[in-house]
Protein backbone atom coordinates (compact mmCIF):
# COMPACT_ATOMS: atom_id res chain seq x y z
CA MET A 1 0.00 0.00 0.00
CA GLY A 2 2.85 2.35 -0.63
CA LEU A 3 4.29 2.29 2.88
CA LEU A 4 8.04 2.48 3.18
CA SER A 5 10.89 3.65 5.34
CA PRO A 6 12.44 6.84 4.01
CA SER A 7 16.09 6.74 3.06
CA ARG A 8 16.87 9.04 5.97
CA GLY A 9 15.60 8.46 9.50
CA ASP A 10 13.88 5.66 11.37
CA ALA A 11 11.13 3.43 10.07
CA VAL A 12 8.00 5.46 9.51
CA ALA A 13 5.31 5.55 6.87
CA HIS A 14 5.76 8.00 4.08
CA ALA A 15 2.68 10.11 3.55
CA PRO A 16 1.47 8.77 0.22
CA CYS A 17 -0.37 11.31 -1.86
CA CYS A 18 -1.85 8.73 -4.19
CA SER A 19 -1.58 5.09 -5.37
CA VAL A 20 -1.86 3.51 -8.78
CA ILE A 21 -3.48 0.39 -7.28
CA MET A 22 -5.56 0.29 -4.11
CA ASP A 23 -7.27 -2.56 -2.30
CA PRO A 24 -10.91 -2.27 -3.48
CA CYS A 25 -12.12 -3.73 -0.20
CA ARG A 26 -11.12 -0.54 1.57
CA MET A 27 -12.37 1.92 -1.03
CA ARG A 28 -15.53 3.64 0.21
CA MET A 29 -17.91 5.71 -1.85
CA ALA A 30 -17.44 9.38 -1.05
CA PRO A 31 -20.54 11.33 -0.03
CA ARG A 32 -21.97 13.64 -2.64
CA ILE A 33 -21.00 17.22 -1.94
CA GLU A 34 -23.85 19.70 -2.23
CA ASP A 35 -23.54 23.49 -1.96
CA SER A 36 -25.24 23.30 1.43
CA VAL A 37 -22.50 21.02 2.73
CA ILE A 38 -19.78 23.32 1.43
CA ALA A 39 -21.49 26.44 2.77
CA SER A 40 -21.96 24.92 6.22
CA HIS A 41 -18.19 24.67 6.67
CA GLU A 42 -17.10 28.02 5.20
CA ASN A 43 -14.37 29.95 7.03
CA PRO A 44 -11.80 32.60 6.02
CA GLU A 45 -8.71 30.51 5.38
CA GLY A 46 -9.51 26.84 5.45
CA ARG A 47 -9.33 25.84 9.08
CA PRO A 48 -8.53 23.23 10.31
CA ARG A 49 -5.04 23.60 8.90
CA GLY A 50 -3.52 20.47 7.47
CA PRO A 51 -2.07 19.11 4.24
CA ARG A 52 -4.61 19.02 1.44
CA SER A 53 -4.46 15.31 0.75
CA TRP A 54 -4.55 13.88 4.25
CA PRO A 55 -5.18 16.66 6.79
CA ASP A 56 -4.42 15.48 10.31
CA HIS A 57 -3.57 11.99 9.03
CA ALA A 58 0.15 12.33 8.25
CA ARG A 59 0.76 9.97 11.13
CA LEU A 60 3.89 8.64 12.70
CA VAL A 61 3.60 4.90 12.15
CA LYS A 62 4.77 2.78 15.06
CA THR A 63 7.13 -0.08 14.49
CA GLY A 64 6.84 -3.75 15.42
CA SER A 65 3.60 -5.14 16.78
CA GLU A 66 2.21 -1.74 17.78
CA MET A 67 0.71 -1.11 14.34
CA ASP A 68 0.46 -3.45 11.38
CA SER A 69 0.70 -2.41 7.75
CA LYS A 70 -3.06 -2.71 7.12
CA LYS A 71 -3.84 -0.33 9.98
CA ALA A 72 -1.22 2.08 8.68
CA ALA A 73 -2.67 1.95 5.18
CA ASP A 74 -6.19 2.53 6.49
CA ASP A 75 -4.97 5.68 8.23
CA TRP A 76 -3.99 7.12 4.86
CA THR A 77 -7.25 6.28 3.07
CA SER A 78 -9.88 7.19 5.67
CA PHE A 79 -11.26 10.63 6.36
CA ASP A 80 -13.96 12.22 8.48
CA GLU A 81 -16.25 15.25 8.37
CA ARG A 82 -13.52 17.55 9.63
CA GLN A 83 -11.21 16.60 6.77
CA LEU A 84 -14.08 16.71 4.28
CA ALA A 85 -14.82 20.28 5.32
CA TYR A 86 -11.18 21.27 4.88
CA HIS A 87 -11.25 20.22 1.24
CA THR A 88 -14.75 21.20 0.16
CA THR A 89 -14.74 24.77 1.49
CA GLN A 90 -11.89 25.65 -0.85
CA TRP A 91 -13.98 25.00 -3.97
CA LYS A 92 -16.16 28.01 -3.17
CA ASN A 93 -13.63 30.10 -1.25
CA PRO A 94 -10.05 29.71 -2.54
CA LYS A 95 -7.47 30.24 0.18
CA GLU A 96 -5.37 33.38 0.25
CA SER A 97 -2.28 31.17 0.02
CA THR A 98 -3.61 29.55 -3.17
CA LYS A 99 -4.16 32.95 -4.75
CA ALA A 100 -0.65 34.04 -3.79
CA PHE A 101 0.82 30.81 -5.16
CA GLU A 102 -0.93 31.31 -8.51
CA ALA A 103 0.47 34.83 -8.77
CA PHE A 104 3.94 33.56 -7.84
CA ILE A 105 4.10 31.08 -10.75
CA ALA A 106 1.62 32.58 -13.24
CA HIS A 107 4.33 32.98 -15.88
CA ARG A 108 5.18 29.28 -15.62
CA LEU A 109 1.56 28.17 -15.67
CA ASP A 110 0.91 30.13 -18.86
CA GLY A 111 3.94 28.67 -20.61
CA SER A 112 3.28 25.03 -19.77
CA ARG A 113 1.38 22.35 -21.65
CA ARG A 114 0.48 19.91 -18.86
CA ILE A 115 0.92 20.23 -15.08
CA ILE A 116 0.42 17.72 -12.27
CA ASP A 117 -0.51 18.71 -8.71
CA LEU A 118 0.87 16.19 -6.19
CA GLY A 119 -1.13 15.74 -2.99
CA ALA A 120 -4.08 17.59 -4.50
CA GLY A 121 -6.80 16.26 -2.21
CA THR A 122 -10.13 16.97 -3.88
CA GLY A 123 -8.35 19.23 -6.36
CA ALA A 124 -9.84 22.52 -5.16
CA ALA A 125 -6.57 24.43 -5.47
CA THR A 126 -5.82 22.69 -8.77
CA ALA A 127 -9.21 23.79 -10.03
CA PHE A 128 -8.42 27.38 -9.13
CA LEU A 129 -5.22 27.19 -11.18
CA ALA A 130 -7.05 25.51 -14.06
CA GLY A 131 -9.72 28.18 -14.06
CA ARG A 132 -7.14 30.95 -14.24
CA HIS A 133 -5.14 29.24 -17.00
CA PRO A 134 -7.61 27.56 -19.38
CA ALA A 135 -5.01 26.92 -22.10
CA THR A 136 -3.02 24.62 -19.78
CA ASP A 137 -4.04 21.07 -18.85
CA PHE A 138 -3.94 20.13 -15.16
CA VAL A 139 -3.99 16.78 -13.37
CA ALA A 140 -4.96 16.64 -9.69
CA ALA A 141 -3.18 13.61 -8.22
CA ASP A 142 -3.74 12.05 -4.82
CA TYR A 143 -3.47 8.74 -2.99
CA VAL A 144 -6.95 8.87 -1.46
CA SER A 145 -9.57 7.70 -3.94
CA ASP A 146 -12.49 9.23 -2.03
CA PHE A 147 -11.02 12.72 -2.38
CA LEU A 148 -10.62 12.20 -6.12
CA ARG A 149 -14.24 11.10 -6.52
CA ILE A 150 -15.41 14.24 -4.75
CA GLY A 151 -13.22 16.42 -6.93
CA GLU A 152 -14.31 14.76 -10.16
CA ASN A 153 -17.98 15.39 -9.35
CA VAL A 154 -17.46 19.04 -8.44
CA ALA A 155 -15.17 19.72 -11.43
CA LYS A 156 -17.72 18.16 -13.79
CA ASN A 157 -20.47 20.40 -12.43
CA GLN A 158 -18.24 23.43 -12.89
CA GLY A 159 -17.37 22.51 -16.47
CA LEU A 160 -13.59 22.47 -16.03
CA ASP A 161 -12.50 20.71 -19.22
CA ASN A 162 -8.77 21.23 -18.59
CA LEU A 163 -8.76 19.43 -15.21
CA ALA A 164 -8.35 15.65 -14.83
CA PHE A 165 -7.89 13.45 -11.76
CA ARG A 166 -5.46 10.62 -11.19
CA GLN A 167 -4.66 8.25 -8.34
CA LEU A 168 -0.92 8.15 -7.68
CA ASP A 169 1.53 7.35 -4.93
CA TRP A 170 4.15 10.10 -4.74
CA MET A 171 6.72 7.59 -3.52
CA GLU A 172 6.06 5.04 -6.27
CA MET A 173 5.38 7.13 -9.36
CA PRO A 174 5.95 5.62 -12.79
CA GLU A 175 8.54 7.31 -14.97
CA THR A 176 7.00 9.68 -17.48
CA THR A 177 7.76 12.82 -19.47
CA GLU A 178 4.08 13.70 -19.66
CA PHE A 179 4.35 16.78 -17.46
CA ASP A 180 6.48 19.85 -18.04
CA GLY A 181 5.48 21.33 -14.68
CA VAL A 182 4.78 20.01 -11.17
CA VAL A 183 3.10 21.81 -8.28
CA SER A 184 2.43 20.83 -4.69
CA LEU A 185 0.64 23.00 -2.15
CA GLN A 186 0.89 22.50 1.61
CA THR A 187 2.04 18.90 1.46
CA LEU A 188 5.81 18.53 1.84
CA SER A 189 5.92 19.59 5.51
CA TRP A 190 3.50 16.78 6.40
CA LEU A 191 5.81 14.13 4.99
CA PRO A 192 8.43 12.56 7.29
CA GLU A 193 11.31 14.17 5.36
CA PRO A 194 11.78 16.18 2.15
CA VAL A 195 14.59 14.46 0.25
CA GLU A 196 12.91 11.35 -1.17
CA PRO A 197 9.78 13.19 -2.35
CA LEU A 198 11.96 15.71 -4.20
CA VAL A 199 14.12 12.98 -5.71
CA GLN A 200 11.01 11.15 -6.91
CA VAL A 201 9.90 14.25 -8.80
CA PHE A 202 13.35 14.93 -10.27
CA THR A 203 14.03 11.35 -11.37
CA LYS A 204 10.56 10.02 -12.25
CA LEU A 205 8.75 13.04 -13.71
CA LYS A 206 11.78 15.06 -14.85
CA PRO A 207 9.82 18.32 -15.17
CA GLU A 208 11.14 21.61 -16.47
CA TRP A 209 10.02 23.20 -13.21
CA PHE A 210 8.56 22.30 -9.82
CA ALA A 211 6.78 24.84 -7.59
CA LEU A 212 5.67 24.20 -4.04
CA THR A 213 4.48 25.94 -0.93
CA SER A 214 5.21 24.57 2.51
CA LEU A 215 6.92 25.41 5.81
CA PHE A 216 10.50 26.53 5.18
CA TYR A 217 13.28 28.36 7.01
CA GLU A 218 15.78 30.64 5.28
CA GLY A 219 18.71 29.37 7.35
CA ASP A 220 20.35 25.94 7.29
CA ILE A 221 18.22 24.45 10.07
CA SER A 222 15.43 21.91 9.66
CA CYS A 223 12.94 20.86 12.32
CA THR A 224 11.08 17.55 12.49
CA ILE A 225 7.91 18.35 14.43
CA SER A 226 5.59 15.55 15.51
CA VAL A 227 2.21 16.85 16.65
CA HIS A 228 0.06 14.80 18.99
CA GLU A 229 -3.55 15.85 19.51
CA HIS A 230 -4.21 14.05 22.77
CA VAL A 231 -7.99 14.39 22.65
CA THR A 232 -8.33 12.90 19.17
CA GLY A 233 -5.30 10.63 19.48
CA GLN A 234 -4.04 11.80 16.11
CA ARG A 235 -0.34 12.23 15.30
CA PHE A 236 1.08 14.00 12.29
CA PHE A 237 4.00 16.11 11.09
CA TYR A 238 4.37 19.88 10.89
CA ASN A 239 7.98 19.86 9.68
CA VAL A 240 9.99 22.95 8.77
CA TYR A 241 12.69 22.40 6.15
CA ALA A 242 15.86 24.41 5.53
CA ILE A 243 15.87 26.12 2.15
CA PRO A 244 19.67 25.57 1.83
CA GLU A 245 19.08 21.81 2.21
CA ILE A 246 16.43 21.91 -0.51
CA ARG A 247 18.90 23.83 -2.67
CA ARG A 248 21.53 21.09 -2.20
CA VAL A 249 19.10 18.33 -3.15
CA CYS A 250 18.14 20.28 -6.26
CA ALA A 251 21.77 20.74 -7.30
CA GLU A 252 22.48 17.02 -6.95
CA HIS A 253 19.81 16.30 -9.57
CA GLY A 254 20.37 19.09 -12.08
CA TYR A 255 17.91 21.63 -10.68
CA HIS A 256 18.15 24.93 -8.83
CA ILE A 257 15.87 27.19 -6.81
CA ALA A 258 15.00 30.01 -9.20
CA SER A 259 13.02 32.09 -6.70
CA THR A 260 11.52 32.03 -3.23
CA LYS A 261 8.88 34.17 -1.60
CA ARG A 262 7.49 34.24 1.88
CA PHE A 263 3.72 34.03 2.03
CA GLU A 264 2.37 36.92 4.08
CA ILE A 265 -1.33 36.61 4.69
CA GLY A 266 -3.39 39.76 4.17
CA ILE A 267 -6.32 38.93 6.46
CA ASP A 268 -6.76 38.30 10.17
CA LEU A 269 -7.74 34.81 11.33
CA GLU A 270 -9.33 34.39 14.73
CA LYS A 271 -7.95 31.87 17.18
CA PRO A 272 -10.10 28.70 17.13
CA ASP A 273 -12.36 28.07 20.11
CA ASN A 274 -11.17 24.47 20.29
CA LEU A 275 -7.63 24.64 21.67
CA ASP A 276 -7.27 20.85 21.56
CA ALA A 277 -7.09 20.71 17.75
CA MET A 278 -4.66 22.29 15.32
CA GLY A 279 -6.10 25.33 13.52
CA THR A 280 -4.49 28.37 11.95
CA TYR A 281 -4.88 31.86 13.40
CA THR A 282 -2.91 35.11 13.14
CA ARG A 283 -1.29 37.54 15.55
CA ARG A 284 -0.19 41.02 14.56
CA VAL A 285 3.32 42.17 15.49
CA VAL A 286 5.16 45.42 14.82
CA THR A 287 8.53 45.01 13.10
CA GLU A 288 11.34 47.02 14.66
CA SER A 289 13.15 47.82 11.41
CA SER A 290 10.29 49.42 9.49
CA ASP A 291 7.65 49.94 12.18
CA THR A 292 5.12 48.08 10.03
CA ILE A 293 2.49 45.54 10.99
CA GLU A 294 3.19 41.89 10.22
CA ARG A 295 0.81 38.97 10.66
CA LEU A 296 2.28 35.81 12.11
CA GLN A 297 0.47 32.57 11.27
CA ILE A 298 0.17 30.08 14.11
CA SER A 299 -1.43 26.65 14.32
CA GLY A 300 -1.87 25.27 17.81
CA PRO A 301 1.51 25.91 19.49
CA ILE A 302 3.49 26.12 16.23
CA LEU A 303 4.63 29.14 14.22
CA MET A 304 3.92 28.58 10.51
CA PRO A 305 6.73 29.96 8.27
CA TRP A 306 5.04 29.56 4.88
CA HIS A 307 7.25 30.02 1.81
CA MET A 308 6.77 29.47 -1.91
CA LEU A 309 9.62 27.93 -3.93
CA LEU A 310 10.07 27.77 -7.68
CA ILE A 311 12.57 25.10 -8.76
CA GLU A 312 13.79 24.97 -12.35
CA ARG A 313 15.97 22.68 -14.42
CA SER A 314 19.56 23.98 -14.56
């Protein structure tokens, strides 16, 4: 089921964004998403915060007899109402970060023939890109079949002819030259480590460019952050990766970071009432250098240093 131990670190499950073959016994029909369902979960910036393809399910998988492979696989393919809301709200209300990401790579989106979005969830963000760039074909790829079914139904109703859906496992992708561009929004930091996912893109897809948004730090320090929501019992990553380390991985495979940009949100987000679950909110601070107001994004106890990276072939 696409579970493996990354090349660096102890035995954990990689967070698969999609799989070519899934066990049909565990595939459940996704509920039909009506406007009333979407509207009932609307909020300013997509709380609860989590990766788009498996929010709050990027779990640390225990070793030995504590958790077997079937249980681990089920964790990746199941979702609840909270996760459903995270994905469906974005179809009607695109996130500010999605809008900023589109502006960041608009020149690349316009000049590309076919683009794949890895870890796309229901494809809401992919649909936003497809709607803004109708001359470019997009593929929303994810590991979770239920998310893809939801996205296919919504996209069909919206008449998005340049958006397709595909089930893929990021860690076991077939080699192809089908895509000249790759995007991934809010996914990499919820994987156990960044190197293998990047290498998979560079060696299997071989795109001209790869753009992503995730939690990054400008200095040469990475943080592996394991979050444990004690009330729900859920465990998942909120990792922050060093941009210099990403730059080294790129160079080893014939790529380079062409540009980076910090995502600065332009709206205020209220702190969630439920302090026992991760959820993004903002706090205003005054910078000493320019005496301007800056909004810090926080989820639970964690500062969220969102950055956008554009990687290009050297």
